[in-house]
N, C-alpha and C. Protein backbone atom coordinates (compact mmCIF):
# COMPACT_ATOMS: atom_id res chain seq x y z
N SER A 1 -55.35 -0.94 -9.42
CA SER A 1 -54.81 -1.49 -10.47
C SER A 1 -53.54 -1.90 -10.92
N ALA A 2 -53.37 -3.03 -11.31
CA ALA A 2 -51.65 -3.65 -11.91
C ALA A 2 -51.53 -3.07 -13.08
N GLU A 3 -52.49 -2.78 -14.10
CA GLU A 3 -52.32 -2.41 -14.96
C GLU A 3 -51.84 -0.73 -15.30
N ALA A 4 -53.14 -0.02 -14.04
CA ALA A 4 -53.15 1.20 -13.24
C ALA A 4 -50.91 1.31 -13.25
N TYR A 5 -50.82 1.09 -12.29
CA TYR A 5 -49.69 1.08 -11.48
C TYR A 5 -48.25 1.09 -12.84
N ASP A 6 -48.93 0.10 -13.18
CA ASP A 6 -47.61 -0.01 -15.12
C ASP A 6 -47.80 1.01 -15.87
N MET A 7 -48.77 1.42 -16.07
CA MET A 7 -48.95 2.56 -16.92
C MET A 7 -48.24 4.13 -16.49
N ALA A 8 -48.80 4.25 -15.04
CA ALA A 8 -48.11 5.27 -14.78
C ALA A 8 -46.50 4.94 -13.97
N LEU A 9 -46.12 3.52 -14.50
CA LEU A 9 -44.57 3.61 -14.25
C LEU A 9 -43.81 3.43 -15.44
N GLU A 10 -44.78 3.69 -16.98
CA GLU A 10 -43.83 3.76 -17.76
C GLU A 10 -44.03 5.56 -18.40
N ALA A 11 -45.56 6.35 -17.66
CA ALA A 11 -45.68 7.43 -17.78
C ALA A 11 -44.24 8.13 -17.38
N LEU A 12 -43.98 7.21 -15.81
CA LEU A 12 -42.37 8.47 -15.57
C LEU A 12 -41.14 8.31 -16.10
N LYS A 13 -41.09 6.80 -16.80
CA LYS A 13 -40.29 6.08 -17.61
C LYS A 13 -40.25 7.39 -18.77
N LEU A 14 -41.26 8.06 -19.75
CA LEU A 14 -40.56 9.46 -20.35
C LEU A 14 -40.66 10.56 -20.47
N LYS A 15 -41.82 10.21 -18.66
CA LYS A 15 -41.50 11.56 -18.68
C LYS A 15 -41.47 11.61 -16.98
N PRO A 16 -40.51 12.01 -16.39
CA PRO A 16 -39.46 11.44 -15.15
C PRO A 16 -40.07 12.89 -14.98
N TRP A 17 -40.02 13.72 -15.18
CA TRP A 17 -41.26 15.17 -14.70
C TRP A 17 -41.51 15.05 -14.67
N HIS A 18 -43.39 13.62 -14.41
CA HIS A 18 -44.87 14.62 -14.79
C HIS A 18 -44.74 13.73 -13.42
N PHE A 19 -44.83 15.20 -12.17
CA PHE A 19 -45.19 15.53 -11.05
C PHE A 19 -46.60 15.00 -11.54
N GLU A 20 -48.08 14.71 -11.85
CA GLU A 20 -48.57 14.65 -11.35
C GLU A 20 -49.32 12.92 -11.49
N VAL A 21 -47.43 12.47 -11.98
CA VAL A 21 -47.80 10.60 -11.76
C VAL A 21 -47.73 10.18 -10.68
N TYR A 22 -46.55 10.97 -9.64
CA TYR A 22 -46.59 10.63 -8.15
C TYR A 22 -47.58 10.36 -7.20
N PRO A 23 -48.53 11.15 -7.70
CA PRO A 23 -50.18 11.01 -6.21
C PRO A 23 -50.51 9.30 -6.46
N VAL A 24 -50.92 9.86 -8.34
CA VAL A 24 -51.78 7.83 -8.49
C VAL A 24 -50.87 7.17 -7.72
N LEU A 25 -49.51 6.78 -8.38
CA LEU A 25 -48.26 6.08 -7.35
C LEU A 25 -48.75 5.84 -6.27
N ILE A 26 -49.05 6.26 -5.11
CA ILE A 26 -48.90 6.72 -3.93
C ILE A 26 -50.67 5.83 -3.87
N MET A 27 -51.27 7.09 -4.20
CA MET A 27 -52.72 6.73 -4.51
C MET A 27 -53.05 3.97 -4.22
N ILE A 28 -52.41 4.37 -5.90
CA ILE A 28 -52.46 2.79 -5.95
C ILE A 28 -51.96 1.89 -4.71
N CYS A 29 -51.32 2.01 -4.76
CA CYS A 29 -49.92 2.13 -3.47
C CYS A 29 -51.31 1.51 -2.13
N LEU A 30 -51.72 2.63 -1.59
CA LEU A 30 -52.48 2.28 -0.44
C LEU A 30 -53.34 2.23 -0.76
N ARG A 31 -54.23 1.50 -1.79
CA ARG A 31 -55.07 0.92 -1.72
C ARG A 31 -55.01 -0.65 -1.69
N HIS A 32 -54.07 -0.54 -2.05
CA HIS A 32 -53.45 -1.48 -1.91
C HIS A 32 -52.43 -2.65 -0.67
N GLU A 33 -53.28 -1.42 0.12
CA GLU A 33 -52.58 -1.26 1.61
C GLU A 33 -50.75 -1.23 1.69
N ASP A 34 -50.35 -1.17 0.44
CA ASP A 34 -48.58 -0.76 0.42
C ASP A 34 -48.11 0.12 1.23
N ILE A 35 -47.67 0.01 1.68
CA ILE A 35 -47.40 1.87 2.81
C ILE A 35 -46.06 2.38 2.49
N GLY A 36 -45.04 0.98 2.46
CA GLY A 36 -43.91 1.93 1.97
C GLY A 36 -43.54 1.82 1.20
N GLN A 37 -44.34 1.46 -0.62
CA GLN A 37 -44.52 1.52 -1.85
C GLN A 37 -44.89 2.95 -2.44
N ALA A 38 -46.06 3.09 -1.10
CA ALA A 38 -45.77 4.80 -1.37
C ALA A 38 -45.73 6.58 -0.19
N LEU A 39 -45.07 4.95 0.53
CA LEU A 39 -43.90 6.53 0.76
C LEU A 39 -42.66 6.30 -0.31
N TYR A 40 -42.11 5.39 -0.74
CA TYR A 40 -40.75 5.58 -1.46
C TYR A 40 -41.42 6.15 -2.66
N TRP A 41 -42.85 6.67 -2.90
CA TRP A 41 -42.93 7.62 -4.08
C TRP A 41 -43.76 9.01 -3.36
N ALA A 42 -44.12 8.90 -2.45
CA ALA A 42 -44.15 10.28 -1.90
C ALA A 42 -42.65 11.17 -1.61
N ARG A 43 -42.06 10.38 -1.11
CA ARG A 43 -40.41 10.42 -1.18
C ARG A 43 -40.18 11.55 -2.42
N GLN A 44 -40.55 10.19 -3.53
CA GLN A 44 -40.03 10.35 -5.10
C GLN A 44 -40.80 12.09 -5.57
N ALA A 45 -41.82 12.28 -5.59
CA ALA A 45 -42.54 14.11 -5.70
C ALA A 45 -42.27 14.65 -5.15
N LEU A 46 -42.74 15.47 -5.84
CA LEU A 46 -43.00 16.86 -5.93
C LEU A 46 -42.44 17.86 -4.55
N PRO A 47 -42.23 18.22 -3.88
CA PRO A 47 -42.39 18.43 -2.85
C PRO A 47 -43.99 19.99 -3.04
N VAL A 48 -44.17 19.16 -2.04
CA VAL A 48 -46.08 20.18 -2.06
C VAL A 48 -45.36 21.91 -0.98
N HIS A 49 -45.59 22.41 -1.70
CA HIS A 49 -45.13 24.24 -2.22
C HIS A 49 -45.84 24.54 -0.69
N ARG A 50 -44.80 25.36 0.32
CA ARG A 50 -44.71 25.42 1.47
C ARG A 50 -43.38 27.50 1.51
N PRO A 51 -43.80 27.95 1.65
CA PRO A 51 -42.82 29.08 1.78
C PRO A 51 -42.00 29.10 2.72
N THR A 52 -40.96 28.57 2.96
CA THR A 52 -40.07 28.50 3.69
C THR A 52 -39.18 28.16 3.12
N GLU A 53 -38.04 27.37 3.29
CA GLU A 53 -36.55 27.51 3.02
C GLU A 53 -36.22 26.65 2.86
N GLY A 54 -36.39 25.78 3.36
CA GLY A 54 -35.69 24.62 3.41
C GLY A 54 -36.73 23.72 2.71
N ASN A 55 -38.02 23.83 2.72
CA ASN A 55 -39.23 23.28 1.25
C ASN A 55 -39.00 23.80 -0.10
N SER A 56 -38.34 24.67 0.03
CA SER A 56 -38.20 25.28 -1.72
C SER A 56 -36.55 25.05 -1.66
N ARG A 57 -35.68 24.83 -1.11
CA ARG A 57 -34.36 23.31 -1.74
C ARG A 57 -34.95 22.59 -2.29
N ARG A 58 -36.00 21.64 -1.03
CA ARG A 58 -36.39 20.42 -2.23
C ARG A 58 -37.12 20.69 -3.42
N ARG A 59 -38.09 22.05 -3.46
CA ARG A 59 -38.60 22.26 -4.68
C ARG A 59 -37.93 21.98 -5.42
N LYS A 60 -36.90 23.05 -5.66
CA LYS A 60 -35.95 23.78 -6.53
C LYS A 60 -34.92 22.42 -6.57
N ALA A 61 -34.31 21.20 -6.13
CA ALA A 61 -34.18 20.64 -6.33
C ALA A 61 -34.27 19.11 -6.76
N TRP A 62 -35.47 18.87 -6.34
CA TRP A 62 -36.51 18.08 -7.36
C TRP A 62 -36.48 18.75 -8.62
N VAL A 63 -37.13 19.79 -9.16
CA VAL A 63 -36.72 20.87 -10.16
C VAL A 63 -35.65 20.66 -11.19
N ASP A 64 -34.42 21.13 -11.20
CA ASP A 64 -33.44 20.74 -10.93
C ASP A 64 -32.69 19.21 -11.24
N ARG A 65 -33.46 18.01 -10.93
CA ARG A 65 -33.41 16.58 -10.97
C ARG A 65 -33.98 16.27 -11.90
N ALA A 66 -35.36 16.91 -12.19
CA ALA A 66 -36.64 16.42 -13.19
C ALA A 66 -36.30 17.88 -14.96
N LEU A 67 -35.30 18.65 -14.87
CA LEU A 67 -34.29 18.99 -15.65
C LEU A 67 -33.07 18.22 -16.25
N ASP A 68 -32.83 17.70 -15.66
CA ASP A 68 -31.40 17.25 -15.58
C ASP A 68 -31.56 16.00 -16.39
N LEU A 69 -32.74 15.45 -15.74
CA LEU A 69 -33.49 14.56 -16.75
C LEU A 69 -33.69 14.27 -17.98
N ALA A 70 -34.63 14.94 -17.79
CA ALA A 70 -34.99 15.62 -19.21
C ALA A 70 -34.05 16.60 -21.02
N ALA A 71 -33.18 16.43 -19.82
CA ALA A 71 -31.84 17.22 -21.07
C ALA A 71 -31.11 15.71 -21.55
N GLN A 72 -31.06 15.05 -20.32
CA GLN A 72 -30.48 13.61 -20.53
C GLN A 72 -31.19 12.78 -21.81
N GLN A 73 -33.42 12.93 -21.89
CA GLN A 73 -33.81 12.65 -22.84
C GLN A 73 -33.78 12.33 -23.66
N TRP A 74 -33.30 14.26 -23.71
CA TRP A 74 -33.42 15.08 -24.64
C TRP A 74 -31.97 14.12 -25.30
N GLU A 75 -30.61 14.08 -24.89
CA GLU A 75 -29.81 13.68 -25.73
C GLU A 75 -29.12 12.46 -25.92
N ASP A 76 -29.86 11.40 -25.31
CA ASP A 76 -30.26 10.41 -25.85
C ASP A 76 -31.26 10.01 -26.85
N ALA A 77 -32.13 11.03 -27.19
CA ALA A 77 -32.65 11.06 -28.30
C ALA A 77 -32.26 10.84 -29.68
N GLU A 78 -31.74 12.58 -29.74
CA GLU A 78 -30.90 13.01 -30.53
C GLU A 78 -29.84 12.24 -30.56
N ARG A 79 -28.90 11.16 -30.27
CA ARG A 79 -27.64 10.65 -30.68
C ARG A 79 -28.43 9.46 -31.52
N GLU A 80 -29.67 8.68 -30.72
CA GLU A 80 -30.80 7.54 -31.16
C GLU A 80 -30.46 8.18 -32.96
N THR A 81 -31.31 8.81 -32.73
CA THR A 81 -31.68 9.83 -34.23
C THR A 81 -30.08 9.87 -35.21
N GLN A 82 -29.28 10.28 -34.56
CA GLN A 82 -28.18 10.34 -35.80
C GLN A 82 -27.76 8.59 -36.10
N GLU A 83 -27.56 8.47 -34.88
CA GLU A 83 -26.92 7.19 -35.23
C GLU A 83 -27.85 5.95 -36.46
N GLN A 84 -29.53 6.59 -36.92
CA GLN A 84 -30.62 5.95 -37.24
C GLN A 84 -30.34 6.48 -38.85
N GLN A 85 -30.00 7.77 -38.62
CA GLN A 85 -29.94 8.74 -40.46
C GLN A 85 -28.31 8.37 -40.98
N GLN A 86 -27.73 8.01 -39.98
CA GLN A 86 -26.61 7.63 -41.02
C GLN A 86 -26.64 6.27 -41.23
N THR A 87 -27.39 4.99 -40.59
CA THR A 87 -27.12 3.90 -40.91
C THR A 87 -28.33 3.70 -42.18
N CYS A 88 -28.88 4.90 -42.19
CA CYS A 88 -29.75 4.65 -43.69
C CYS A 88 -29.38 5.41 -44.39
N SER A 89 -28.25 6.15 -44.02
CA SER A 89 -27.48 6.99 -45.35
C SER A 89 -26.67 5.92 -45.57
N GLY A 90 -25.90 5.19 -44.69
CA GLY A 90 -24.90 4.46 -45.13
C GLY A 90 -25.91 3.17 -45.90
N SER A 91 -27.34 2.75 -45.91
CA SER A 91 -27.80 1.57 -46.29
C SER A 91 -27.95 1.84 -48.12
N LEU A 92 -28.60 2.71 -47.75
CA LEU A 92 -28.82 3.67 -49.15
C LEU A 92 -27.19 3.85 -50.10
N ALA A 93 -26.62 3.97 -49.82
CA ALA A 93 -24.90 4.37 -50.30
C ALA A 93 -24.82 3.24 -51.12
N SER A 94 -24.37 2.20 -50.04
CA SER A 94 -24.62 1.43 -49.84
C SER A 94 -25.45 0.61 -51.62
N ASP A 95 -26.83 0.58 -51.29
CA ASP A 95 -27.23 -0.16 -52.98
C ASP A 95 -27.21 0.44 -53.40
N LEU A 96 -26.80 2.12 -53.99
CA LEU A 96 -27.08 3.28 -55.09
C LEU A 96 -25.95 2.27 -55.33
N GLU A 97 -24.69 2.40 -54.50
CA GLU A 97 -22.86 0.96 -55.11
C GLU A 97 -23.47 -0.24 -55.98
N SER A 98 -24.90 -1.35 -55.73
CA SER A 98 -23.62 -2.79 -55.82
C SER A 98 -25.15 -2.04 -56.88
N GLY A 99 -26.24 -1.66 -57.39
CA GLY A 99 -27.12 -1.48 -58.21
C GLY A 99 -27.62 -1.85 -57.36
N ASP A 100 -28.09 -2.43 -56.37
CA ASP A 100 -29.36 -3.01 -55.48
C ASP A 100 -30.32 -2.42 -55.38
N MET A 101 -30.94 -1.61 -56.30
CA MET A 101 -32.63 -0.41 -55.63
C MET A 101 -33.06 -1.06 -55.95
N TRP A 102 -34.32 -1.64 -54.78
CA TRP A 102 -35.56 -2.10 -55.67
C TRP A 102 -36.70 -1.63 -56.47
N GLN A 103 -37.22 -1.17 -58.04
CA GLN A 103 -37.42 -0.12 -58.70
C GLN A 103 -38.91 -0.62 -58.25
């Protein structure tokens, strides 16, 4: 369903390394006979583990990309938290100076 597809996309947005979402997206696309989109998600998915050198490189590249995305999300969240803390601190200091504190 469209709702399941949207939820899976939201899961990927929150956790791009969530390898279990890709098969769900593939199955939803296949159910709707959207082969092109199913192939797109299949190419994005974590490669199946096979003890071949080429496959190992592709899996490692996928994991490296997932780790990079996770690190970027962490940095973005840290930056946003610091900005919010500065905003709150600045607002509190301003209220204290103006005597405009709610009691």
